[in-house]
Amino acid sequence: MRSRDADDNAKHSRQYKLAKLRAHALFGELGPEVIERLAACANIKKVNAGTTIFLKDDPGTGLFALSEGVVKISVPSKDGREAVLNLVYAGEIFGEIALLDGARAPPTRPR
């Protein structure tokens, strides 16, 4: 039986990153050299449900590719309630608009 530490280390390995990138719809069609370069830059991060990933007006710092779970993208409405803009599911990406055009992003957190 593998320990949690061994599982966490395996998820941060180069091979794990390469496998995730190759399996992803957006990245899977890229050439092997490009995927290798992306894997070298990629960071694996586990985020618990309810944790804010970034806030509205934070500068875009990266592209997020979701491998598990659901992320809710939301902003506060004028009456103070939460307005959900999008739900991002495993296999999808978010953060790309701010990364591409330098715009600020809406707050994002896992559900």
N, C-alpha and C. Protein backbone atom coordinates (compact mmCIF):
# COMPACT_ATOMS: atom_id res chain seq x y z
N MET A 1 0.84 -1.18 0.00
CA MET A 1 0.00 0.00 0.00
C MET A 1 0.89 1.25 0.00
N ARG A 2 0.60 2.19 -0.88
CA ARG A 2 1.41 3.41 -1.00
C ARG A 2 0.98 4.43 0.05
N SER A 3 1.94 5.19 0.52
CA SER A 3 1.63 6.24 1.48
C SER A 3 1.10 7.47 0.76
N ARG A 4 0.47 8.36 1.49
CA ARG A 4 -0.02 9.61 0.91
C ARG A 4 1.14 10.43 0.36
N ASP A 5 2.29 10.44 1.06
CA ASP A 5 3.47 11.17 0.59
C ASP A 5 3.96 10.61 -0.75
N ALA A 6 3.96 9.30 -0.87
CA ALA A 6 4.39 8.68 -2.14
C ALA A 6 3.44 9.07 -3.26
N ASP A 7 2.13 9.08 -2.98
CA ASP A 7 1.15 9.49 -4.00
C ASP A 7 1.35 10.95 -4.37
N ASP A 8 1.58 11.83 -3.39
CA ASP A 8 1.80 13.25 -3.67
C ASP A 8 3.07 13.45 -4.49
N ASN A 9 4.14 12.74 -4.16
CA ASN A 9 5.39 12.84 -4.92
C ASN A 9 5.20 12.37 -6.35
N ALA A 10 4.44 11.29 -6.54
CA ALA A 10 4.19 10.78 -7.88
C ALA A 10 3.43 11.81 -8.71
N LYS A 11 2.51 12.55 -8.09
CA LYS A 11 1.73 13.55 -8.81
C LYS A 11 2.56 14.76 -9.21
N HIS A 12 3.68 14.97 -8.57
CA HIS A 12 4.55 16.09 -8.91
C HIS A 12 5.68 15.68 -9.85
N SER A 13 5.71 14.41 -10.23
CA SER A 13 6.78 13.92 -11.08
C SER A 13 6.61 14.40 -12.51
N ARG A 14 7.69 14.40 -13.23
CA ARG A 14 7.69 14.79 -14.64
C ARG A 14 6.76 13.89 -15.44
N GLN A 15 6.81 12.59 -15.17
CA GLN A 15 5.98 11.64 -15.92
C GLN A 15 4.49 11.90 -15.69
N TYR A 16 4.13 12.22 -14.46
CA TYR A 16 2.73 12.52 -14.15
C TYR A 16 2.27 13.75 -14.92
N LYS A 17 3.10 14.80 -14.91
CA LYS A 17 2.76 16.03 -15.63
C LYS A 17 2.63 15.77 -17.12
N LEU A 18 3.57 15.01 -17.67
CA LEU A 18 3.50 14.68 -19.10
C LEU A 18 2.22 13.91 -19.42
N ALA A 19 1.87 12.95 -18.59
CA ALA A 19 0.66 12.17 -18.82
C ALA A 19 -0.58 13.05 -18.77
N LYS A 20 -0.65 13.96 -17.79
CA LYS A 20 -1.80 14.86 -17.68
C LYS A 20 -1.90 15.78 -18.90
N LEU A 21 -0.77 16.33 -19.34
CA LEU A 21 -0.76 17.20 -20.50
C LEU A 21 -1.16 16.45 -21.77
N ARG A 22 -0.63 15.25 -21.95
CA ARG A 22 -0.96 14.46 -23.15
C ARG A 22 -2.43 14.08 -23.19
N ALA A 23 -3.03 13.87 -22.01
CA ALA A 23 -4.43 13.46 -21.93
C ALA A 23 -5.40 14.64 -22.06
N HIS A 24 -4.91 15.85 -21.90
CA HIS A 24 -5.77 17.03 -21.92
C HIS A 24 -6.13 17.40 -23.35
N ALA A 25 -7.39 17.75 -23.59
CA ALA A 25 -7.87 18.07 -24.93
C ALA A 25 -7.10 19.22 -25.56
N LEU A 26 -6.76 20.23 -24.81
CA LEU A 26 -6.06 21.40 -25.35
C LEU A 26 -4.60 21.11 -25.64
N PHE A 27 -3.94 20.38 -24.78
CA PHE A 27 -2.50 20.18 -24.89
C PHE A 27 -2.10 18.90 -25.61
N GLY A 28 -2.98 17.92 -25.65
CA GLY A 28 -2.65 16.60 -26.16
C GLY A 28 -2.19 16.55 -27.60
N GLU A 29 -2.64 17.51 -28.39
CA GLU A 29 -2.27 17.53 -29.81
C GLU A 29 -0.95 18.24 -30.08
N LEU A 30 -0.36 18.82 -29.06
CA LEU A 30 0.91 19.51 -29.24
C LEU A 30 2.04 18.51 -29.44
N GLY A 31 3.09 18.96 -30.07
CA GLY A 31 4.25 18.09 -30.30
C GLY A 31 4.95 17.73 -29.00
N PRO A 32 5.73 16.65 -29.03
CA PRO A 32 6.39 16.18 -27.81
C PRO A 32 7.34 17.20 -27.19
N GLU A 33 8.02 18.00 -28.03
CA GLU A 33 8.95 19.00 -27.49
C GLU A 33 8.20 20.08 -26.71
N VAL A 34 7.05 20.48 -27.24
CA VAL A 34 6.24 21.52 -26.58
C VAL A 34 5.68 20.98 -25.27
N ILE A 35 5.19 19.76 -25.28
CA ILE A 35 4.65 19.16 -24.06
C ILE A 35 5.75 19.02 -23.00
N GLU A 36 6.95 18.64 -23.42
CA GLU A 36 8.08 18.55 -22.49
C GLU A 36 8.35 19.91 -21.85
N ARG A 37 8.34 20.98 -22.66
CA ARG A 37 8.59 22.32 -22.13
C ARG A 37 7.48 22.76 -21.19
N LEU A 38 6.24 22.45 -21.53
CA LEU A 38 5.12 22.79 -20.64
C LEU A 38 5.24 22.03 -19.32
N ALA A 39 5.59 20.76 -19.39
CA ALA A 39 5.73 19.95 -18.16
C ALA A 39 6.82 20.52 -17.26
N ALA A 40 7.88 21.02 -17.87
CA ALA A 40 8.97 21.60 -17.08
C ALA A 40 8.51 22.85 -16.33
N CYS A 41 7.53 23.56 -16.88
CA CYS A 41 7.02 24.79 -16.26
C CYS A 41 5.81 24.55 -15.37
N ALA A 42 5.18 23.40 -15.53
CA ALA A 42 3.92 23.13 -14.84
C ALA A 42 4.12 22.91 -13.35
N ASN A 43 3.15 23.36 -12.59
CA ASN A 43 3.11 23.12 -11.15
C ASN A 43 1.80 22.42 -10.84
N ILE A 44 1.88 21.38 -10.06
CA ILE A 44 0.69 20.65 -9.60
C ILE A 44 0.33 21.20 -8.23
N LYS A 45 -0.92 21.59 -8.09
CA LYS A 45 -1.34 22.15 -6.80
C LYS A 45 -2.71 21.58 -6.44
N LYS A 46 -2.81 21.02 -5.26
CA LYS A 46 -4.10 20.53 -4.75
C LYS A 46 -4.73 21.67 -3.94
N VAL A 47 -5.98 21.96 -4.24
CA VAL A 47 -6.69 23.03 -3.55
C VAL A 47 -7.96 22.43 -2.94
N ASN A 48 -8.17 22.67 -1.67
CA ASN A 48 -9.36 22.15 -0.99
C ASN A 48 -10.60 22.93 -1.38
N ALA A 49 -11.73 22.27 -1.33
CA ALA A 49 -13.02 22.89 -1.65
C ALA A 49 -13.22 24.14 -0.79
N GLY A 50 -13.72 25.20 -1.43
CA GLY A 50 -14.01 26.44 -0.72
C GLY A 50 -12.84 27.41 -0.66
N THR A 51 -11.65 26.99 -1.08
CA THR A 51 -10.46 27.84 -1.07
C THR A 51 -10.48 28.77 -2.28
N THR A 52 -10.25 30.05 -2.07
CA THR A 52 -10.17 30.99 -3.18
C THR A 52 -8.84 30.83 -3.88
N ILE A 53 -8.88 30.65 -5.19
CA ILE A 53 -7.66 30.48 -5.98
C ILE A 53 -7.09 31.83 -6.35
N PHE A 54 -7.94 32.74 -6.81
CA PHE A 54 -7.54 34.13 -7.02
C PHE A 54 -8.78 35.00 -6.93
N LEU A 55 -8.56 36.28 -6.70
CA LEU A 55 -9.64 37.24 -6.51
C LEU A 55 -9.80 38.14 -7.73
N LYS A 56 -10.96 38.73 -7.84
CA LYS A 56 -11.20 39.71 -8.88
C LYS A 56 -10.13 40.80 -8.78
N ASP A 57 -9.63 41.21 -9.92
CA ASP A 57 -8.60 42.24 -10.04
C ASP A 57 -7.19 41.75 -9.71
N ASP A 58 -7.03 40.47 -9.36
CA ASP A 58 -5.67 39.93 -9.25
C ASP A 58 -5.09 39.86 -10.66
N PRO A 59 -3.81 40.14 -10.83
CA PRO A 59 -3.22 40.01 -12.17
C PRO A 59 -3.19 38.54 -12.60
N GLY A 60 -3.37 38.31 -13.88
CA GLY A 60 -3.29 36.95 -14.40
C GLY A 60 -1.86 36.45 -14.32
N THR A 61 -1.66 35.31 -13.67
CA THR A 61 -0.31 34.80 -13.49
C THR A 61 -0.10 33.44 -14.13
N GLY A 62 -1.14 32.82 -14.62
CA GLY A 62 -0.96 31.51 -15.21
C GLY A 62 -2.25 30.94 -15.75
N LEU A 63 -2.10 29.89 -16.46
CA LEU A 63 -3.21 29.13 -17.02
C LEU A 63 -3.43 27.94 -16.10
N PHE A 64 -4.66 27.68 -15.74
CA PHE A 64 -4.99 26.57 -14.85
C PHE A 64 -5.69 25.48 -15.66
N ALA A 65 -5.21 24.26 -15.58
CA ALA A 65 -5.83 23.10 -16.21
C ALA A 65 -6.34 22.21 -15.09
N LEU A 66 -7.63 22.05 -15.01
CA LEU A 66 -8.24 21.30 -13.91
C LEU A 66 -8.22 19.81 -14.22
N SER A 67 -7.61 19.03 -13.33
CA SER A 67 -7.55 17.58 -13.56
C SER A 67 -8.60 16.82 -12.75
N GLU A 68 -9.08 17.41 -11.67
CA GLU A 68 -10.11 16.77 -10.83
C GLU A 68 -11.01 17.83 -10.25
N GLY A 69 -12.26 17.47 -9.99
CA GLY A 69 -13.18 18.36 -9.28
C GLY A 69 -13.86 19.38 -10.16
N VAL A 70 -14.40 20.40 -9.50
CA VAL A 70 -15.12 21.49 -10.15
C VAL A 70 -14.67 22.79 -9.53
N VAL A 71 -14.47 23.82 -10.36
CA VAL A 71 -14.12 25.15 -9.88
C VAL A 71 -15.25 26.10 -10.25
N LYS A 72 -15.63 26.92 -9.30
CA LYS A 72 -16.69 27.91 -9.52
C LYS A 72 -16.04 29.27 -9.73
N ILE A 73 -16.41 29.92 -10.81
CA ILE A 73 -15.94 31.28 -11.08
C ILE A 73 -17.11 32.21 -10.79
N SER A 74 -16.90 33.13 -9.85
CA SER A 74 -18.01 33.97 -9.41
C SER A 74 -17.53 35.36 -9.01
N VAL A 75 -18.48 36.28 -8.93
CA VAL A 75 -18.24 37.64 -8.46
C VAL A 75 -19.40 38.04 -7.55
N PRO A 76 -19.19 39.00 -6.67
CA PRO A 76 -20.32 39.47 -5.88
C PRO A 76 -21.26 40.30 -6.76
N SER A 77 -22.55 40.08 -6.59
CA SER A 77 -23.53 40.87 -7.34
C SER A 77 -23.74 42.21 -6.64
N LYS A 78 -24.49 43.10 -7.26
CA LYS A 78 -24.73 44.43 -6.68
C LYS A 78 -25.45 44.34 -5.35
N ASP A 79 -26.27 43.30 -5.16
CA ASP A 79 -27.00 43.16 -3.89
C ASP A 79 -26.22 42.34 -2.86
N GLY A 80 -24.94 42.02 -3.17
CA GLY A 80 -24.09 41.34 -2.21
C GLY A 80 -24.10 39.83 -2.29
N ARG A 81 -24.97 39.29 -3.11
CA ARG A 81 -24.99 37.83 -3.28
C ARG A 81 -23.92 37.41 -4.29
N GLU A 82 -23.66 36.13 -4.33
CA GLU A 82 -22.67 35.59 -5.26
C GLU A 82 -23.31 35.36 -6.63
N ALA A 83 -22.70 35.90 -7.66
CA ALA A 83 -23.13 35.67 -9.04
C ALA A 83 -22.16 34.69 -9.69
N VAL A 84 -22.62 33.49 -9.98
CA VAL A 84 -21.77 32.46 -10.58
C VAL A 84 -21.68 32.72 -12.08
N LEU A 85 -20.46 32.91 -12.56
CA LEU A 85 -20.23 33.18 -13.98
C LEU A 85 -20.00 31.90 -14.77
N ASN A 86 -19.38 30.91 -14.13
CA ASN A 86 -19.05 29.68 -14.84
C ASN A 86 -18.68 28.59 -13.86
N LEU A 87 -18.87 27.36 -14.26
CA LEU A 87 -18.35 26.20 -13.54
C LEU A 87 -17.35 25.53 -14.47
N VAL A 88 -16.18 25.24 -13.95
CA VAL A 88 -15.11 24.61 -14.73
C VAL A 88 -14.96 23.18 -14.22
N TYR A 89 -14.97 22.23 -15.15
CA TYR A 89 -14.92 20.81 -14.79
C TYR A 89 -13.58 20.20 -15.18
N ALA A 90 -13.31 19.03 -14.64
CA ALA A 90 -12.07 18.32 -14.94
C ALA A 90 -11.89 18.23 -16.46
N GLY A 91 -10.67 18.52 -16.90
CA GLY A 91 -10.36 18.51 -18.33
C GLY A 91 -10.47 19.87 -18.97
N GLU A 92 -11.00 20.85 -18.24
CA GLU A 92 -11.15 22.19 -18.78
C GLU A 92 -10.07 23.11 -18.20
N ILE A 93 -9.97 24.31 -18.76
CA ILE A 93 -8.98 25.29 -18.30
C ILE A 93 -9.68 26.56 -17.87
N PHE A 94 -8.96 27.37 -17.08
CA PHE A 94 -9.43 28.71 -16.73
C PHE A 94 -8.23 29.58 -16.47
N GLY A 95 -8.43 30.89 -16.48
CA GLY A 95 -7.35 31.84 -16.28
C GLY A 95 -6.68 32.26 -17.57
N GLU A 96 -7.13 31.70 -18.68
CA GLU A 96 -6.46 31.96 -19.95
C GLU A 96 -6.68 33.39 -20.45
N ILE A 97 -7.82 33.98 -20.18
CA ILE A 97 -8.09 35.33 -20.70
C ILE A 97 -7.16 36.35 -20.06
N ALA A 98 -7.04 36.29 -18.75
CA ALA A 98 -6.14 37.23 -18.06
C ALA A 98 -4.70 37.00 -18.49
N LEU A 99 -4.34 35.76 -18.72
CA LEU A 99 -2.98 35.44 -19.14
C LEU A 99 -2.70 35.98 -20.54
N LEU A 100 -3.68 35.88 -21.43
CA LEU A 100 -3.48 36.29 -22.82
C LEU A 100 -3.55 37.79 -23.02
N ASP A 101 -4.50 38.45 -22.33
CA ASP A 101 -4.66 39.88 -22.60
C ASP A 101 -4.28 40.79 -21.43
N GLY A 102 -3.80 40.20 -20.33
CA GLY A 102 -3.36 41.00 -19.20
C GLY A 102 -4.50 41.55 -18.36
N ALA A 103 -5.75 41.15 -18.67
CA ALA A 103 -6.90 41.65 -17.93
C ALA A 103 -6.96 41.02 -16.55
N ARG A 104 -7.70 41.65 -15.69
CA ARG A 104 -7.92 41.11 -14.35
C ARG A 104 -9.00 40.02 -14.43
N ALA A 105 -8.93 39.08 -13.52
CA ALA A 105 -9.83 37.93 -13.57
C ALA A 105 -10.85 37.95 -12.45
N PRO A 106 -12.01 37.25 -12.64
CA PRO A 106 -12.98 37.11 -11.56
C PRO A 106 -12.46 36.16 -10.50
N PRO A 107 -12.98 36.24 -9.26
CA PRO A 107 -12.54 35.31 -8.22
C PRO A 107 -12.92 33.88 -8.56
N THR A 108 -12.10 32.93 -8.14
CA THR A 108 -12.30 31.55 -8.50
C THR A 108 -12.02 30.67 -7.30
N ARG A 109 -12.89 29.68 -7.08
CA ARG A 109 -12.64 28.74 -5.99
C ARG A 109 -13.26 27.39 -6.30
N PRO A 110 -12.66 26.31 -5.77
CA PRO A 110 -13.20 24.97 -5.98
C PRO A 110 -14.53 24.83 -5.24
N ARG A 111 -15.40 24.04 -5.79
CA ARG A 111 -16.68 23.77 -5.14
C ARG A 111 -16.56 22.60 -4.20
